[in-house]
Amino acid sequence: MSEPASQRRAAPERIDAAIDAALAAVLHREPVEAAPREGARLGRLFADLARPQPRAGAREIEALIWALWSNHDDPALDGMMAAAIDALVERRHRRARSVLDRLVAAAPEWAEAWNKRATLAFVEGRDADSLADIAQTLAREPRHFGAAAGLGQICLRLDRPREALAAFDVALRINPHMDGVAKAAAELRGRMPAGDLN
């Protein structure tokens, strides 16, 4: 498994460009217009999730948002997503990559297709590929707290603490109930010189 490390060393310019693109997508979020079937419901869910004490419970809201993100009106695309998720869970990475590549090609507007492919690339240590897919995810769904948190994790792995903190802060503004992300952000703040926090 030396390929991921060598890839990161061999392509620093690609990594820098990918981080810049993903950060631009997450830091310059524009309001997103969701499909009519989910737009109003997602809006209400995100509004409730942003509360210190969500009425419906943070974990329940997160689950509903993920369900809306992960389902498609087209049964064939929905089935491909289910197959990709199964392959990811079973760690059949080659199968997952094949399905996700086809899914992104078939439904390029679907943010969660890009996000799942970003997740696979992250697991495989293909940071530049993951960053590129995170940028695509956030361009389509700027409220994607999972993609923003994933961006922070990659920046941490690449020893880019300021960028990691920026991504974590965005994720927490969208979903303040991610305890692991909040802890990572607090630890980063504690380690960074005061001048680096501005």
C-alpha atoms as a PDB file:
ATOM      1  CA  MET A   1       0.000   0.000   0.000  1.00  0.00           C
ATOM      2  CA  SER A   2       2.861   2.414  -0.744  1.00  0.00           C
ATOM      3  CA  GLU A   3       1.027   3.977  -3.698  1.00  0.00           C
ATOM      4  CA  PRO A   4      -1.012   6.553  -1.753  1.00  0.00           C
ATOM      5  CA  ALA A   5       2.040   7.984   0.050  1.00  0.00           C
ATOM      6  CA  SER A   6       4.084   8.115  -3.141  1.00  0.00           C
ATOM      7  CA  GLN A   7       1.179   9.750  -4.939  1.00  0.00           C
ATOM      8  CA  ARG A   8       1.017  12.486  -2.290  1.00  0.00           C
ATOM      9  CA  ARG A   9       4.780  13.078  -2.550  1.00  0.00           C
ATOM     10  CA  ALA A  10       4.840  12.962  -6.337  1.00  0.00           C
ATOM     11  CA  ALA A  11       2.091  15.482  -7.007  1.00  0.00           C
ATOM     12  CA  PRO A  12       2.242  18.361  -4.497  1.00  0.00           C
ATOM     13  CA  GLU A  13       1.012  20.862  -7.096  1.00  0.00           C
ATOM     14  CA  ARG A  14      -2.019  18.686  -7.801  1.00  0.00           C
ATOM     15  CA  ILE A  15      -2.724  18.381  -4.071  1.00  0.00           C
ATOM     16  CA  ASP A  16      -2.404  22.161  -3.579  1.00  0.00           C
ATOM     17  CA  ALA A  17      -4.737  22.879  -6.495  1.00  0.00           C
ATOM     18  CA  ALA A  18      -7.235  20.295  -5.256  1.00  0.00           C
ATOM     19  CA  ILE A  19      -7.213  21.749  -1.724  1.00  0.00           C
ATOM     20  CA  ASP A  20      -7.685  25.255  -3.133  1.00  0.00           C
ATOM     21  CA  ALA A  21     -10.649  24.140  -5.277  1.00  0.00           C
ATOM     22  CA  ALA A  22     -12.315  22.240  -2.449  1.00  0.00           C
ATOM     23  CA  LEU A  23     -11.787  25.107   0.018  1.00  0.00           C
ATOM     24  CA  ALA A  24     -13.194  27.584  -2.491  1.00  0.00           C
ATOM     25  CA  ALA A  25     -16.298  25.424  -2.814  1.00  0.00           C
ATOM     26  CA  VAL A  26     -16.767  25.130   0.928  1.00  0.00           C
ATOM     27  CA  LEU A  27     -15.879  28.704   1.917  1.00  0.00           C
ATOM     28  CA  HIS A  28     -17.879  30.452  -0.802  1.00  0.00           C
ATOM     29  CA  ARG A  29     -21.079  28.525  -0.350  1.00  0.00           C
ATOM     30  CA  GLU A  30     -24.089  29.747  -2.269  1.00  0.00           C
ATOM     31  CA  PRO A  31     -27.659  28.844  -1.354  1.00  0.00           C
ATOM     32  CA  VAL A  32     -28.531  25.651  -3.154  1.00  0.00           C
ATOM     33  CA  GLU A  33     -31.783  25.025  -4.968  1.00  0.00           C
ATOM     34  CA  ALA A  34     -32.711  21.414  -4.317  1.00  0.00           C
ATOM     35  CA  ALA A  35     -35.049  19.355  -6.433  1.00  0.00           C
ATOM     36  CA  PRO A  36     -38.693  20.264  -5.733  1.00  0.00           C
ATOM     37  CA  ARG A  37     -39.417  16.908  -4.097  1.00  0.00           C
ATOM     38  CA  GLU A  38     -36.813  17.503  -1.409  1.00  0.00           C
ATOM     39  CA  GLY A  39     -36.130  21.244  -1.380  1.00  0.00           C
ATOM     40  CA  ALA A  40     -38.592  22.379   1.271  1.00  0.00           C
ATOM     41  CA  ARG A  41     -38.020  19.337   3.447  1.00  0.00           C
ATOM     42  CA  LEU A  42     -34.225  19.657   3.310  1.00  0.00           C
ATOM     43  CA  GLY A  43     -34.502  23.348   4.130  1.00  0.00           C
ATOM     44  CA  ARG A  44     -36.557  22.588   7.229  1.00  0.00           C
ATOM     45  CA  LEU A  45     -34.182  19.815   8.283  1.00  0.00           C
ATOM     46  CA  PHE A  46     -31.109  22.030   7.960  1.00  0.00           C
ATOM     47  CA  ALA A  47     -32.827  24.856   9.869  1.00  0.00           C
ATOM     48  CA  ASP A  48     -33.631  22.475  12.717  1.00  0.00           C
ATOM     49  CA  LEU A  49     -30.146  20.905  12.619  1.00  0.00           C
ATOM     50  CA  ALA A  50     -28.542  24.331  13.100  1.00  0.00           C
ATOM     51  CA  ARG A  51     -30.339  24.802  16.446  1.00  0.00           C
ATOM     52  CA  PRO A  52     -28.426  24.112  19.674  1.00  0.00           C
ATOM     53  CA  GLN A  53     -31.255  21.718  20.625  1.00  0.00           C
ATOM     54  CA  PRO A  54     -32.968  20.461  17.452  1.00  0.00           C
ATOM     55  CA  ARG A  55     -36.639  19.662  17.927  1.00  0.00           C
ATOM     56  CA  ALA A  56     -36.366  16.319  16.152  1.00  0.00           C
ATOM     57  CA  GLY A  57     -32.986  15.300  17.619  1.00  0.00           C
ATOM     58  CA  ALA A  58     -29.678  15.828  15.829  1.00  0.00           C
ATOM     59  CA  ARG A  59     -29.016  12.155  14.988  1.00  0.00           C
ATOM     60  CA  GLU A  60     -32.503  11.685  13.568  1.00  0.00           C
ATOM     61  CA  ILE A  61     -32.180  14.807  11.425  1.00  0.00           C
ATOM     62  CA  GLU A  62     -28.755  13.745  10.165  1.00  0.00           C
ATOM     63  CA  ALA A  63     -30.173  10.353   9.199  1.00  0.00           C
ATOM     64  CA  LEU A  64     -33.044  11.960   7.295  1.00  0.00           C
ATOM     65  CA  ILE A  65     -30.685  14.307   5.437  1.00  0.00           C
ATOM     66  CA  TRP A  66     -28.381  11.426   4.491  1.00  0.00           C
ATOM     67  CA  ALA A  67     -31.395   9.431   3.296  1.00  0.00           C
ATOM     68  CA  LEU A  68     -32.545  12.292   1.065  1.00  0.00           C
ATOM     69  CA  TRP A  69     -29.027  12.784  -0.275  1.00  0.00           C
ATOM     70  CA  SER A  70     -28.523   9.073  -0.945  1.00  0.00           C
ATOM     71  CA  ASN A  71     -31.753   8.346  -2.817  1.00  0.00           C
ATOM     72  CA  HIS A  72     -32.655   9.169  -6.402  1.00  0.00           C
ATOM     73  CA  ASP A  73     -35.968   9.294  -8.240  1.00  0.00           C
ATOM     74  CA  ASP A  74     -34.556   7.049 -10.964  1.00  0.00           C
ATOM     75  CA  PRO A  75     -34.747   3.438  -9.686  1.00  0.00           C
ATOM     76  CA  ALA A  76     -31.773   2.359 -11.795  1.00  0.00           C
ATOM     77  CA  LEU A  77     -29.548   5.085 -10.306  1.00  0.00           C
ATOM     78  CA  ASP A  78     -30.910   4.344  -6.856  1.00  0.00           C
ATOM     79  CA  GLY A  79     -29.948   0.700  -7.333  1.00  0.00           C
ATOM     80  CA  MET A  80     -26.439   1.665  -8.426  1.00  0.00           C
ATOM     81  CA  MET A  81     -26.029   3.768  -5.296  1.00  0.00           C
ATOM     82  CA  ALA A  82     -27.163   0.851  -3.131  1.00  0.00           C
ATOM     83  CA  ALA A  83     -24.652  -1.418  -4.895  1.00  0.00           C
ATOM     84  CA  ALA A  84     -21.867   1.109  -4.386  1.00  0.00           C
ATOM     85  CA  ILE A  85     -22.676   1.472  -0.685  1.00  0.00           C
ATOM     86  CA  ASP A  86     -22.732  -2.311  -0.271  1.00  0.00           C
ATOM     87  CA  ALA A  87     -19.340  -2.590  -1.970  1.00  0.00           C
ATOM     88  CA  LEU A  88     -17.909   0.153   0.264  1.00  0.00           C
ATOM     89  CA  VAL A  89     -19.208  -1.541   3.413  1.00  0.00           C
ATOM     90  CA  GLU A  90     -17.783  -4.886   2.258  1.00  0.00           C
ATOM     91  CA  ARG A  91     -14.459  -3.209   1.342  1.00  0.00           C
ATOM     92  CA  ARG A  92     -14.719  -4.344  -2.257  1.00  0.00           C
ATOM     93  CA  HIS A  93     -13.026  -1.180  -3.440  1.00  0.00           C
ATOM     94  CA  ARG A  94     -12.524  -2.134  -7.075  1.00  0.00           C
ATOM     95  CA  ARG A  95     -16.227  -2.935  -7.407  1.00  0.00           C
ATOM     96  CA  ALA A  96     -17.201   0.277  -5.600  1.00  0.00           C
ATOM     97  CA  ARG A  97     -14.984   2.364  -7.863  1.00  0.00           C
ATOM     98  CA  SER A  98     -16.446   0.812 -10.992  1.00  0.00           C
ATOM     99  CA  VAL A  99     -20.023   1.470  -9.871  1.00  0.00           C
ATOM    100  CA  LEU A 100     -19.294   4.993  -8.646  1.00  0.00           C
ATOM    101  CA  ASP A 101     -17.477   5.950 -11.850  1.00  0.00           C
ATOM    102  CA  ARG A 102     -20.533   4.853 -13.825  1.00  0.00           C
ATOM    103  CA  LEU A 103     -22.869   6.599 -11.394  1.00  0.00           C
ATOM    104  CA  VAL A 104     -21.043   9.929 -11.632  1.00  0.00           C
ATOM    105  CA  ALA A 105     -21.076   9.665 -15.428  1.00  0.00           C
ATOM    106  CA  ALA A 106     -24.788   8.790 -15.504  1.00  0.00           C
ATOM    107  CA  ALA A 107     -25.909  11.386 -12.928  1.00  0.00           C
ATOM    108  CA  PRO A 108     -23.314  14.172 -12.774  1.00  0.00           C
ATOM    109  CA  GLU A 109     -25.783  16.461 -10.984  1.00  0.00           C
ATOM    110  CA  TRP A 110     -26.118  14.068  -8.028  1.00  0.00           C
ATOM    111  CA  ALA A 111     -23.949  15.414  -5.200  1.00  0.00           C
ATOM    112  CA  GLU A 112     -23.999  12.183  -3.226  1.00  0.00           C
ATOM    113  CA  ALA A 113     -22.589  10.172  -6.116  1.00  0.00           C
ATOM    114  CA  TRP A 114     -19.539  12.444  -6.048  1.00  0.00           C
ATOM    115  CA  ASN A 115     -19.373  12.287  -2.259  1.00  0.00           C
ATOM    116  CA  LYS A 116     -19.381   8.498  -2.157  1.00  0.00           C
ATOM    117  CA  ARG A 117     -16.597   8.423  -4.741  1.00  0.00           C
ATOM    118  CA  ALA A 118     -14.683  10.973  -2.633  1.00  0.00           C
ATOM    119  CA  THR A 119     -15.124   8.689   0.374  1.00  0.00           C
ATOM    120  CA  LEU A 120     -13.715   5.729  -1.524  1.00  0.00           C
ATOM    121  CA  ALA A 121     -10.713   7.756  -2.699  1.00  0.00           C
ATOM    122  CA  PHE A 122     -10.131   8.920   0.896  1.00  0.00           C
ATOM    123  CA  VAL A 123     -10.179   5.335   2.182  1.00  0.00           C
ATOM    124  CA  GLU A 124      -7.717   4.325  -0.545  1.00  0.00           C
ATOM    125  CA  GLY A 125      -5.394   7.243   0.255  1.00  0.00           C
ATOM    126  CA  ARG A 126      -5.936   8.941  -3.116  1.00  0.00           C
ATOM    127  CA  ASP A 127      -6.108  12.400  -1.588  1.00  0.00           C
ATOM    128  CA  ALA A 128      -6.049  14.482  -4.775  1.00  0.00           C
ATOM    129  CA  ASP A 129      -8.873  12.416  -6.271  1.00  0.00           C
ATOM    130  CA  SER A 130     -10.875  12.672  -3.063  1.00  0.00           C
ATOM    131  CA  LEU A 131     -10.379  16.437  -2.915  1.00  0.00           C
ATOM    132  CA  ALA A 132     -11.496  16.833  -6.520  1.00  0.00           C
ATOM    133  CA  ASP A 133     -14.679  14.874  -5.832  1.00  0.00           C
ATOM    134  CA  ILE A 134     -15.305  16.813  -2.611  1.00  0.00           C
ATOM    135  CA  ALA A 135     -15.173  20.030  -4.633  1.00  0.00           C
ATOM    136  CA  GLN A 136     -17.722  18.553  -7.050  1.00  0.00           C
ATOM    137  CA  THR A 137     -19.923  17.494  -4.134  1.00  0.00           C
ATOM    138  CA  LEU A 138     -19.858  20.930  -2.533  1.00  0.00           C
ATOM    139  CA  ALA A 139     -20.499  22.676  -5.833  1.00  0.00           C
ATOM    140  CA  ARG A 140     -23.764  20.726  -6.050  1.00  0.00           C
ATOM    141  CA  GLU A 141     -24.686  20.682  -2.328  1.00  0.00           C
ATOM    142  CA  PRO A 142     -22.886  23.443  -0.419  1.00  0.00           C
ATOM    143  CA  ARG A 143     -24.527  22.294   2.828  1.00  0.00           C
ATOM    144  CA  HIS A 144     -22.831  18.891   2.655  1.00  0.00           C
ATOM    145  CA  PHE A 145     -21.381  18.769   6.156  1.00  0.00           C
ATOM    146  CA  GLY A 146     -19.942  15.303   5.499  1.00  0.00           C
ATOM    147  CA  ALA A 147     -17.924  16.508   2.514  1.00  0.00           C
ATOM    148  CA  ALA A 148     -16.737  19.587   4.418  1.00  0.00           C
ATOM    149  CA  ALA A 149     -15.637  17.419   7.347  1.00  0.00           C
ATOM    150  CA  GLY A 150     -13.924  15.025   4.935  1.00  0.00           C
ATOM    151  CA  LEU A 151     -12.030  17.951   3.436  1.00  0.00           C
ATOM    152  CA  GLY A 152     -10.837  18.820   6.924  1.00  0.00           C
ATOM    153  CA  GLN A 153      -9.686  15.242   7.547  1.00  0.00           C
ATOM    154  CA  ILE A 154      -7.666  15.195   4.329  1.00  0.00           C
ATOM    155  CA  CYS A 155      -6.082  18.549   5.166  1.00  0.00           C
ATOM    156  CA  LEU A 156      -5.138  17.146   8.575  1.00  0.00           C
ATOM    157  CA  ARG A 157      -3.612  14.074   6.944  1.00  0.00           C
ATOM    158  CA  LEU A 158      -1.616  16.371   4.638  1.00  0.00           C
ATOM    159  CA  ASP A 159      -0.437  18.533   7.576  1.00  0.00           C
ATOM    160  CA  ARG A 160      -2.446  21.573   6.462  1.00  0.00           C
ATOM    161  CA  PRO A 161      -3.911  22.649   9.839  1.00  0.00           C
ATOM    162  CA  ARG A 162      -5.235  26.085   8.812  1.00  0.00           C
ATOM    163  CA  GLU A 163      -7.136  24.613   5.884  1.00  0.00           C
ATOM    164  CA  ALA A 164      -8.369  21.750   8.054  1.00  0.00           C
ATOM    165  CA  LEU A 165      -9.698  24.180  10.644  1.00  0.00           C
ATOM    166  CA  ALA A 166     -11.443  26.281   7.979  1.00  0.00           C
ATOM    167  CA  ALA A 167     -13.192  23.196   6.609  1.00  0.00           C
ATOM    168  CA  PHE A 168     -14.151  21.938  10.084  1.00  0.00           C
ATOM    169  CA  ASP A 169     -15.569  25.359  10.991  1.00  0.00           C
ATOM    170  CA  VAL A 170     -17.780  25.359   7.896  1.00  0.00           C
ATOM    171  CA  ALA A 171     -18.970  21.820   8.630  1.00  0.00           C
ATOM    172  CA  LEU A 172     -19.838  22.827  12.202  1.00  0.00           C
ATOM    173  CA  ARG A 173     -21.739  25.921  11.081  1.00  0.00           C
ATOM    174  CA  ILE A 174     -23.943  23.647   8.998  1.00  0.00           C
ATOM    175  CA  ASN A 175     -24.143  20.851  11.567  1.00  0.00           C
ATOM    176  CA  PRO A 176     -22.929  21.859  15.042  1.00  0.00           C
ATOM    177  CA  HIS A 177     -23.662  18.390  16.430  1.00  0.00           C
ATOM    178  CA  MET A 178     -20.627  16.538  15.020  1.00  0.00           C
ATOM    179  CA  ASP A 179     -18.749  15.894  18.248  1.00  0.00           C
ATOM    180  CA  GLY A 180     -15.658  14.395  16.614  1.00  0.00           C
ATOM    181  CA  VAL A 181     -15.301  17.345  14.248  1.00  0.00           C
ATOM    182  CA  ALA A 182     -15.809  19.822  17.109  1.00  0.00           C
ATOM    183  CA  LYS A 183     -13.112  18.061  19.130  1.00  0.00           C
ATOM    184  CA  ALA A 184     -10.680  18.074  16.184  1.00  0.00           C
ATOM    185  CA  ALA A 185     -11.331  21.790  15.591  1.00  0.00           C
ATOM    186  CA  ALA A 186     -10.776  22.597  19.279  1.00  0.00           C
ATOM    187  CA  GLU A 187      -7.515  20.631  19.310  1.00  0.00           C
ATOM    188  CA  LEU A 188      -6.319  22.456  16.203  1.00  0.00           C
ATOM    189  CA  ARG A 189      -7.150  25.837  17.754  1.00  0.00           C
ATOM    190  CA  GLY A 190      -5.231  24.877  20.881  1.00  0.00           C
ATOM    191  CA  ARG A 191      -2.116  23.951  18.894  1.00  0.00           C
ATOM    192  CA  MET A 192      -2.046  26.874  16.479  1.00  0.00           C
ATOM    193  CA  PRO A 193      -0.360  30.211  17.221  1.00  0.00           C
ATOM    194  CA  ALA A 194      -2.890  33.025  17.667  1.00  0.00           C
ATOM    195  CA  GLY A 195      -1.704  34.756  14.486  1.00  0.00           C
ATOM    196  CA  ASP A 196      -2.505  31.671  12.406  1.00  0.00           C
ATOM    197  CA  LEU A 197      -6.154  31.729  13.473  1.00  0.00           C
ATOM    198  CA  ASN A 198      -6.950  34.928  11.569  1.00  0.00           C
END
